[in-house]
Amino acid sequence: MRLLFVTYRFPVYPGDASSNTVFNLVKYFSRSHEVSLVGLAPAPVPAERLESLSRYCRRIEVLEWPKWRSAINAVRGLASSTPLQMWYFRSDAFAEKVKQVIAEERIDLAYGYHLRSSQYLSELETLPRVIALQPAQILHFGRRHKLTRNPVLRTIYGMEYRRLMGYEAELAQKFDSCLLISEMDRNAIDPKGDLRNVFFNPHGTDVESFAPPRGAVREEGTLVFCGSMAMDTNVDAVLHFSKDILPLVWAKRPETRFVVVGRNPARSVLKLTEDRRITVTGLVDDVRPYLWRGTVGVDPIRMAAGMQNKVIEGMAAGLPMVISPEANEGIRAPEGSAVLIGRTPEAFADHVLQLLGDPSRARAVAKEGLMFVQKQWSWEHHFSCLERHFDSLVSEGACARV
């Protein structure tokens, strides 16, 4: 097949979840198919990243779309009822580029990554099209609106949440297939169950590459959170953990260290390092050594929805993970064995303290977590299912019906 992948955010940062997903999607499908990639980027893409992707792509097209253009678009969108995120990533030039590549490369099937990419494929009815609504934005912004304390952001998130009501389901009907991560996402997007083109296809991780090398030594009493700190959802998780959970851990184990790994940490996160027991790394070349040195992995995320790659990466790295219920929605890891779930700050802290104080229990949880991701969360496991789905759409000559 000749496949086109369209993404609103070109896969620039190796440690970023969306970048990892698109990169591994391209890499996997390039094994047996001809792949073209078209993406927006707010700044020039590093040459080494283009080179790494070019090995797997027949054609790459990047349109630079600076943030000031996006900001102007978003202001224009205030007068409409369309979600502002669609306006933020709207470009007529990009739309024309997508059409050009489809025609010139004689594309058999087009895949749009995220709701924000859907606007470039929703009206093209000449070929089968797949949209990955991952994660469900109605769920994502509903939680942001509920939990954000900043009154300005709360107003913006509330407005976006209202605009998203029914929007994702209406848009999904224009595609041959709508990819979702879990039933939780479907219930949020399509509470009445009207969609007939849903295909569940979560992401995975490179399980083998995260395996600790022989001789790796874990530093006693070290908690690790790993995720892009450019994401406000991760900022909220880290601040929530530091304010509401970590003091409960310190009350019984005051020597415990907390390491935050991820690019572009906010000032509020950097300020946490005023306590010498907290380390904020910023961008690192490779996140894995931090996972290999940690004692316990934590993901207390509250705002996000869908897949939490940081959780399966932690499990693949041999870390026993303590996570929030939201972090497990798209993963569905067995609670109490493969992961421990803290539903309150007190319960979260108790789980952390249990693992810190009982190495045998920590090893057992880490072992169950690793077995779980090895069985269910490799890239190959989920992409092979998606490949068969693509084959069926193309062989049927599917064309979306509005």
Protein backbone atom coordinates (compact mmCIF):
# COMPACT_ATOMS: atom_id res chain seq x y z
CA MET A 1 0.00 0.00 0.00
CA ARG A 2 0.96 3.63 -0.46
CA LEU A 3 0.17 5.30 2.83
CA LEU A 4 0.01 8.94 3.87
CA PHE A 5 0.38 9.99 7.50
CA VAL A 6 -0.80 13.51 8.29
CA THR A 7 0.13 15.07 11.62
CA TYR A 8 -0.55 18.50 13.10
CA ARG A 9 2.77 18.23 14.95
CA PHE A 10 5.81 16.92 13.09
CA PRO A 11 7.55 14.22 15.21
CA VAL A 12 10.54 16.28 16.34
CA TYR A 13 11.18 15.34 19.98
CA PRO A 14 12.16 11.69 20.61
CA GLY A 15 10.98 11.90 24.23
CA ASP A 16 7.55 13.31 23.36
CA ALA A 17 4.64 10.85 23.36
CA SER A 18 3.02 12.09 20.14
CA SER A 19 6.40 12.25 18.38
CA ASN A 20 7.19 8.69 19.47
CA THR A 21 3.82 7.46 18.24
CA VAL A 22 4.09 9.01 14.79
CA PHE A 23 7.76 8.04 14.41
CA ASN A 24 7.11 4.41 15.30
CA LEU A 25 3.99 4.32 13.14
CA VAL A 26 6.07 5.44 10.15
CA LYS A 27 8.89 3.04 11.03
CA TYR A 28 6.60 0.03 11.37
CA PHE A 29 4.60 0.56 8.18
CA SER A 30 7.69 1.31 6.12
CA ARG A 31 8.66 -2.37 6.46
CA SER A 32 6.08 -3.48 3.93
CA HIS A 33 4.56 -0.30 2.49
CA GLU A 34 5.50 3.00 0.88
CA VAL A 35 5.04 5.78 3.42
CA SER A 36 4.69 9.53 2.96
CA LEU A 37 4.62 11.93 5.91
CA VAL A 38 3.20 15.45 5.95
CA GLY A 39 3.38 17.57 9.09
CA LEU A 40 3.23 21.06 10.55
CA ALA A 41 6.14 22.39 12.59
CA PRO A 42 6.39 25.66 14.60
CA ALA A 43 10.12 25.92 13.84
CA PRO A 44 12.70 24.40 11.48
CA VAL A 45 13.05 20.66 12.03
CA PRO A 46 16.57 19.57 13.05
CA ALA A 47 18.45 17.98 10.16
CA GLU A 48 19.22 14.84 12.16
CA ARG A 49 15.52 14.27 12.84
CA LEU A 50 14.66 14.64 9.16
CA GLU A 51 17.47 12.25 8.32
CA SER A 52 16.25 9.65 10.80
CA LEU A 53 12.73 9.79 9.36
CA SER A 54 13.85 9.86 5.72
CA ARG A 55 15.12 6.29 6.11
CA TYR A 56 11.53 5.16 6.43
CA CYS A 57 9.67 7.57 4.14
CA ARG A 58 9.22 7.72 0.41
CA ARG A 59 8.37 11.41 0.80
CA ILE A 60 8.43 13.95 3.64
CA GLU A 61 6.78 17.37 3.53
CA VAL A 62 7.10 19.81 6.42
CA LEU A 63 5.31 23.14 6.54
CA GLU A 64 6.67 25.59 9.07
CA TRP A 65 3.76 27.16 10.92
CA PRO A 66 5.07 29.57 13.57
CA LYS A 67 3.19 30.05 16.80
CA TRP A 68 2.32 33.65 16.01
CA ARG A 69 0.29 32.46 13.01
CA SER A 70 -1.45 29.94 15.22
CA ALA A 71 -2.23 32.64 17.77
CA ILE A 72 -3.79 34.87 15.10
CA ASN A 73 -5.86 31.93 13.91
CA ALA A 74 -7.08 31.22 17.43
CA VAL A 75 -8.21 34.83 17.87
CA ARG A 76 -10.12 34.61 14.60
CA GLY A 77 -11.72 31.42 15.86
CA LEU A 78 -13.26 33.15 18.87
CA ALA A 79 -16.12 34.32 16.65
CA SER A 80 -16.96 30.76 15.58
CA SER A 81 -18.29 27.69 17.39
CA THR A 82 -15.48 25.43 16.18
CA PRO A 83 -12.95 24.24 18.80
CA LEU A 84 -10.08 26.70 19.04
CA GLN A 85 -7.49 23.94 18.68
CA MET A 86 -8.75 23.38 15.13
CA TRP A 87 -8.20 27.05 14.35
CA TYR A 88 -4.80 27.01 16.02
CA PHE A 89 -3.55 24.36 13.59
CA ARG A 90 -5.44 25.53 10.50
CA SER A 91 -3.43 26.27 7.33
CA ASP A 92 -4.73 26.52 3.76
CA ALA A 93 -1.21 25.92 2.48
CA PHE A 94 -0.97 22.72 4.48
CA ALA A 95 -4.35 21.56 3.17
CA GLU A 96 -3.14 22.05 -0.40
CA LYS A 97 0.09 20.18 0.36
CA VAL A 98 -1.89 17.20 1.63
CA LYS A 99 -3.98 17.13 -1.55
CA GLN A 100 -0.82 17.44 -3.66
CA VAL A 101 0.89 14.48 -2.01
CA ILE A 102 -2.23 12.33 -2.29
CA ALA A 103 -2.39 13.01 -6.04
CA GLU A 104 1.30 12.81 -6.86
CA GLU A 105 2.04 9.73 -4.76
CA ARG A 106 -1.22 7.98 -5.70
CA ILE A 107 -1.98 7.31 -2.05
CA ASP A 108 -4.12 4.26 -1.23
CA LEU A 109 -5.04 5.28 2.32
CA ALA A 110 -4.58 8.41 4.43
CA TYR A 111 -4.21 8.44 8.21
CA GLY A 112 -4.69 11.57 10.31
CA TYR A 113 -3.06 11.70 13.72
CA HIS A 114 -5.19 13.52 16.32
CA LEU A 115 -8.40 15.51 15.99
CA ARG A 116 -6.37 18.55 14.91
CA SER A 117 -5.25 16.79 11.71
CA SER A 118 -8.77 15.75 10.76
CA GLN A 119 -9.58 19.03 9.02
CA TYR A 120 -7.11 18.15 6.24
CA LEU A 121 -8.78 14.84 5.36
CA SER A 122 -12.44 15.04 6.39
CA GLU A 123 -13.73 16.32 3.05
CA LEU A 124 -11.52 14.20 0.77
CA GLU A 125 -13.76 11.35 -0.35
CA THR A 126 -11.58 9.91 -3.11
CA LEU A 127 -9.71 7.43 -0.91
CA PRO A 128 -10.11 5.57 2.39
CA ARG A 129 -9.30 7.78 5.37
CA VAL A 130 -8.63 6.96 9.00
CA ILE A 131 -8.66 9.43 11.88
CA ALA A 132 -6.99 8.70 15.20
CA LEU A 133 -8.97 10.59 17.84
CA GLN A 134 -6.37 9.88 20.47
CA PRO A 135 -6.94 11.00 23.15
CA ALA A 136 -10.57 12.08 23.34
CA GLN A 137 -10.39 15.86 23.54
CA ILE A 138 -13.81 16.21 25.19
CA LEU A 139 -12.45 14.14 28.09
CA HIS A 140 -9.13 15.94 28.05
CA PHE A 141 -10.54 19.47 28.24
CA GLY A 142 -13.33 18.51 30.61
CA ARG A 143 -10.70 17.51 33.15
CA ARG A 144 -8.63 20.60 32.49
CA HIS A 145 -11.65 22.81 33.08
CA LYS A 146 -12.50 21.00 36.30
CA LEU A 147 -9.01 20.98 37.82
CA THR A 148 -7.33 24.19 36.62
CA ARG A 149 -7.12 26.89 39.26
CA ASN A 150 -6.01 29.70 36.95
CA PRO A 151 -9.25 31.63 36.24
CA VAL A 152 -8.21 32.66 32.71
CA LEU A 153 -7.25 29.14 31.70
CA ARG A 154 -10.35 27.77 33.37
CA THR A 155 -12.48 30.06 31.21
CA ILE A 156 -10.64 29.03 28.03
CA TYR A 157 -10.82 25.33 28.86
CA GLY A 158 -14.51 25.62 29.66
CA MET A 159 -15.20 27.32 26.33
CA GLU A 160 -13.22 24.65 24.47
CA TYR A 161 -15.02 21.89 26.34
CA ARG A 162 -18.41 23.26 25.30
CA ARG A 163 -17.29 23.57 21.68
CA LEU A 164 -16.13 19.96 21.69
CA MET A 165 -19.51 18.61 22.76
CA GLY A 166 -20.63 16.41 19.86
CA TYR A 167 -17.86 17.75 17.61
CA GLU A 168 -15.60 14.68 17.63
CA ALA A 169 -18.44 12.25 16.96
CA GLU A 170 -19.81 14.38 14.10
CA LEU A 171 -16.39 14.63 12.54
CA ALA A 172 -15.63 10.91 12.99
CA GLN A 173 -18.63 10.04 10.84
CA LYS A 174 -16.88 11.60 7.84
CA PHE A 175 -14.09 9.00 7.97
CA ASP A 176 -14.01 5.36 7.02
CA SER A 177 -12.57 4.49 10.39
CA CYS A 178 -12.19 6.26 13.72
CA LEU A 179 -9.36 4.99 15.94
CA LEU A 180 -9.88 5.22 19.68
CA ILE A 181 -7.79 4.05 22.62
CA SER A 182 -10.46 2.64 24.93
CA GLU A 183 -14.13 2.43 25.79
CA MET A 184 -13.59 5.37 28.14
CA ASP A 185 -12.76 7.55 25.13
CA ARG A 186 -15.70 6.21 23.15
CA ASN A 187 -18.17 6.88 25.95
CA ALA A 188 -16.89 10.45 26.19
CA ILE A 189 -17.01 11.13 22.44
CA ASP A 190 -20.06 9.06 21.56
CA PRO A 191 -22.20 8.59 24.70
CA LYS A 192 -25.21 7.38 22.69
CA GLY A 193 -23.19 4.76 20.78
CA ASP A 194 -24.10 6.10 17.33
CA LEU A 195 -20.69 5.65 15.70
CA ARG A 196 -20.34 2.53 13.57
CA ASN A 197 -16.75 2.98 12.40
CA VAL A 198 -14.85 2.72 15.68
CA PHE A 199 -11.66 0.65 15.76
CA PHE A 200 -9.81 0.40 19.07
CA ASN A 201 -6.08 0.81 18.54
CA PRO A 202 -3.94 2.18 21.38
CA HIS A 203 -0.22 2.84 21.13
CA GLY A 204 2.70 0.76 22.38
CA THR A 205 6.33 1.09 23.30
CA ASP A 206 9.68 -0.37 22.32
CA VAL A 207 9.74 -2.86 25.17
CA GLU A 208 13.17 -4.31 24.44
CA SER A 209 14.92 -0.94 24.20
CA PHE A 210 13.69 0.04 27.68
CA ALA A 211 15.00 -3.12 29.33
CA PRO A 212 17.66 -2.20 31.93
CA PRO A 213 21.20 -3.11 30.86
CA ARG A 214 23.09 -5.73 32.81
CA GLY A 215 24.65 -4.20 35.87
CA ALA A 216 22.19 -1.31 36.16
CA VAL A 217 21.91 -0.18 39.79
CA ARG A 218 18.81 1.44 41.25
CA GLU A 219 19.35 4.37 43.58
CA GLU A 220 17.62 3.79 46.89
CA GLY A 221 14.68 6.03 47.70
CA THR A 222 14.35 7.67 44.26
CA LEU A 223 10.97 8.47 42.71
CA VAL A 224 10.84 9.24 38.98
CA PHE A 225 8.32 11.11 36.85
CA CYS A 226 9.14 11.11 33.15
CA GLY A 227 7.20 13.18 30.60
CA SER A 228 7.34 16.30 28.46
CA MET A 229 7.15 19.26 30.83
CA ALA A 230 5.97 21.41 27.94
CA MET A 231 2.56 19.80 28.54
CA ASP A 232 0.38 21.54 31.12
CA THR A 233 -1.12 18.19 32.05
CA ASN A 234 2.31 16.97 33.16
CA VAL A 235 3.01 20.24 34.96
CA ASP A 236 -0.22 19.81 36.91
CA ALA A 237 0.71 16.21 37.75
CA VAL A 238 4.15 17.16 39.08
CA LEU A 239 2.87 20.12 41.11
CA HIS A 240 0.02 18.03 42.51
CA PHE A 241 2.45 15.27 43.49
CA SER A 242 4.89 17.72 45.08
CA LYS A 243 2.21 19.60 47.03
CA ASP A 244 -0.26 16.90 48.01
CA ILE A 245 1.53 13.54 47.97
CA LEU A 246 5.28 13.97 48.43
CA PRO A 247 4.97 15.64 51.88
CA LEU A 248 3.12 12.52 53.08
CA VAL A 249 6.00 10.38 51.83
CA TRP A 250 8.59 12.68 53.40
CA ALA A 251 6.80 12.54 56.74
CA LYS A 252 7.88 8.90 57.04
CA ARG A 253 10.86 8.76 54.69
CA PRO A 254 12.36 12.27 54.63
CA GLU A 255 15.40 11.20 52.59
CA THR A 256 13.28 10.26 49.53
CA ARG A 257 14.32 11.99 46.30
CA PHE A 258 12.01 13.03 43.46
CA VAL A 259 13.40 13.31 39.92
CA VAL A 260 11.37 15.05 37.18
CA VAL A 261 12.61 14.21 33.67
CA GLY A 262 11.31 16.09 30.63
CA ARG A 263 11.90 19.01 28.30
CA ASN A 264 10.85 22.63 28.84
CA PRO A 265 9.90 22.59 32.52
CA ALA A 266 7.72 25.50 33.59
CA ARG A 267 9.01 28.05 36.09
CA SER A 268 6.69 26.61 38.72
CA VAL A 269 8.33 23.20 38.24
CA LEU A 270 11.86 24.60 38.31
CA LYS A 271 11.01 26.34 41.57
CA LEU A 272 10.54 22.93 43.18
CA THR A 273 14.32 22.44 43.14
CA GLU A 274 14.57 24.89 46.02
CA ASP A 275 14.20 21.69 48.00
CA ARG A 276 17.45 19.80 47.42
CA ARG A 277 15.57 16.49 47.39
CA ILE A 278 13.88 17.41 44.08
CA THR A 279 15.75 17.35 40.76
CA VAL A 280 14.35 18.76 37.50
CA THR A 281 16.48 17.69 34.54
CA GLY A 282 14.95 19.53 31.60
CA LEU A 283 15.66 18.05 28.16
CA VAL A 284 17.87 14.95 28.24
CA ASP A 285 19.35 12.94 25.38
CA ASP A 286 17.93 9.68 26.71
CA VAL A 287 15.30 9.22 29.42
CA ARG A 288 16.04 5.54 29.97
CA PRO A 289 19.01 5.87 32.37
CA TYR A 290 16.78 7.85 34.74
CA LEU A 291 14.17 5.08 34.63
CA TRP A 292 16.86 2.45 35.20
CA ARG A 293 18.21 4.28 38.27
CA GLY A 294 14.84 4.96 39.88
CA THR A 295 13.28 2.97 42.72
CA VAL A 296 9.62 3.74 42.01
CA GLY A 297 7.95 5.35 39.00
CA VAL A 298 5.00 7.70 39.56
CA ASP A 299 2.32 9.12 37.30
CA PRO A 300 -0.25 11.10 39.32
CA ILE A 301 -1.75 12.69 36.20
CA ARG A 302 -5.23 14.15 36.61
CA MET A 303 -6.06 16.16 33.48
CA ALA A 304 -4.98 13.96 30.59
CA ALA A 305 -6.95 11.26 28.79
CA GLY A 306 -6.10 8.30 26.59
CA MET A 307 -2.74 6.52 26.60
CA GLN A 308 -0.03 7.37 29.10
CA ASN A 309 3.16 6.21 27.39
CA LYS A 310 5.18 7.15 30.45
CA VAL A 311 3.49 4.35 32.40
CA ILE A 312 4.22 1.53 29.97
CA GLU A 313 7.75 2.87 29.43
CA GLY A 314 8.32 2.79 33.17
CA MET A 315 7.04 -0.77 33.40
CA ALA A 316 9.19 -1.79 30.43
CA ALA A 317 12.19 -0.30 32.26
CA GLY A 318 11.53 -2.52 35.26
CA LEU A 319 10.12 0.19 37.53
CA PRO A 320 7.25 -0.61 39.89
CA MET A 321 4.66 2.04 39.01
CA VAL A 322 2.26 3.94 41.25
CA ILE A 323 -0.28 5.81 39.15
CA SER A 324 -3.60 7.64 39.20
CA PRO A 325 -6.83 6.03 37.94
CA GLU A 326 -6.73 8.40 34.95
CA ALA A 327 -3.28 7.14 34.00
CA ASN A 328 -4.60 3.59 33.76
CA GLU A 329 -7.69 4.29 31.64
CA GLY A 330 -6.05 3.57 28.30
CA ILE A 331 -3.69 0.88 29.58
CA ARG A 332 -5.95 -1.25 31.78
CA ALA A 333 -3.08 -2.77 33.75
CA PRO A 334 -4.15 -5.21 36.49
CA GLU A 335 -4.47 -3.17 39.67
CA GLY A 336 -2.57 -4.42 42.68
CA SER A 337 -0.24 -6.63 40.67
CA ALA A 338 1.13 -4.88 37.53
CA VAL A 339 0.51 -1.36 38.91
CA LEU A 340 -0.60 0.23 42.16
CA ILE A 341 -3.31 2.88 41.85
CA GLY A 342 -3.65 5.79 44.25
CA ARG A 343 -7.13 7.31 44.21
CA THR A 344 -6.37 9.83 46.93
CA PRO A 345 -3.14 11.56 47.94
CA GLU A 346 -3.06 9.43 51.07
CA ALA A 347 -3.50 6.16 49.17
CA PHE A 348 -0.94 7.23 46.58
CA ALA A 349 1.63 8.02 49.28
CA ASP A 350 0.90 4.74 51.08
CA HIS A 351 1.62 2.77 47.89
CA VAL A 352 4.89 4.64 47.34
CA LEU A 353 5.95 4.04 50.94
CA GLN A 354 5.07 0.36 50.67
CA LEU A 355 7.30 -0.10 47.61
CA LEU A 356 10.13 1.92 49.13
CA GLY A 357 10.02 -0.10 52.33
CA ASP A 358 9.50 -3.56 50.86
CA PRO A 359 11.99 -4.39 48.07
CA SER A 360 10.46 -7.84 47.48
CA ARG A 361 7.03 -6.28 46.91
CA ALA A 362 8.60 -3.70 44.59
CA ARG A 363 10.29 -6.45 42.57
CA ALA A 364 7.03 -8.39 42.31
CA VAL A 365 5.10 -5.38 41.00
CA ALA A 366 7.92 -4.55 38.58
CA LYS A 367 7.96 -8.14 37.29
CA GLU A 368 4.19 -8.23 36.75
CA GLY A 369 4.31 -4.84 35.03
CA LEU A 370 7.05 -5.97 32.68
CA MET A 371 5.21 -9.17 31.79
CA PHE A 372 2.08 -7.14 31.13
CA VAL A 373 3.74 -4.73 28.67
CA GLN A 374 5.68 -7.53 26.97
CA LYS A 375 2.42 -9.32 26.25
CA GLN A 376 0.15 -6.43 25.33
CA TRP A 377 2.00 -3.18 24.73
CA SER A 378 4.67 -3.59 22.08
CA TRP A 379 4.40 -1.37 19.02
CA GLU A 380 4.20 -4.49 16.87
CA HIS A 381 1.23 -5.93 18.72
CA HIS A 382 -1.01 -2.93 18.08
CA PHE A 383 0.37 -1.84 14.70
CA SER A 384 -0.04 -5.32 13.24
CA CYS A 385 -3.75 -5.12 14.12
CA LEU A 386 -3.90 -1.68 12.52
CA GLU A 387 -2.13 -2.97 9.41
CA ARG A 388 -4.77 -5.65 8.91
CA HIS A 389 -7.42 -2.99 9.37
CA PHE A 390 -5.80 -0.81 6.70
CA ASP A 391 -5.68 -3.81 4.35
CA SER A 392 -9.41 -4.40 4.77
CA LEU A 393 -10.28 -0.74 4.15
CA VAL A 394 -8.22 -0.60 0.98
CA SER A 395 -9.35 -3.98 -0.35
CA GLU A 396 -12.97 -3.02 0.17
CA GLY A 397 -12.40 0.23 -1.70
CA ALA A 398 -13.91 2.04 1.24
CA CYS A 399 -14.93 5.65 0.85
CA ALA A 400 -16.28 7.71 3.74
CA ARG A 401 -19.96 8.53 3.71
CA VAL A 402 -21.11 11.63 5.48
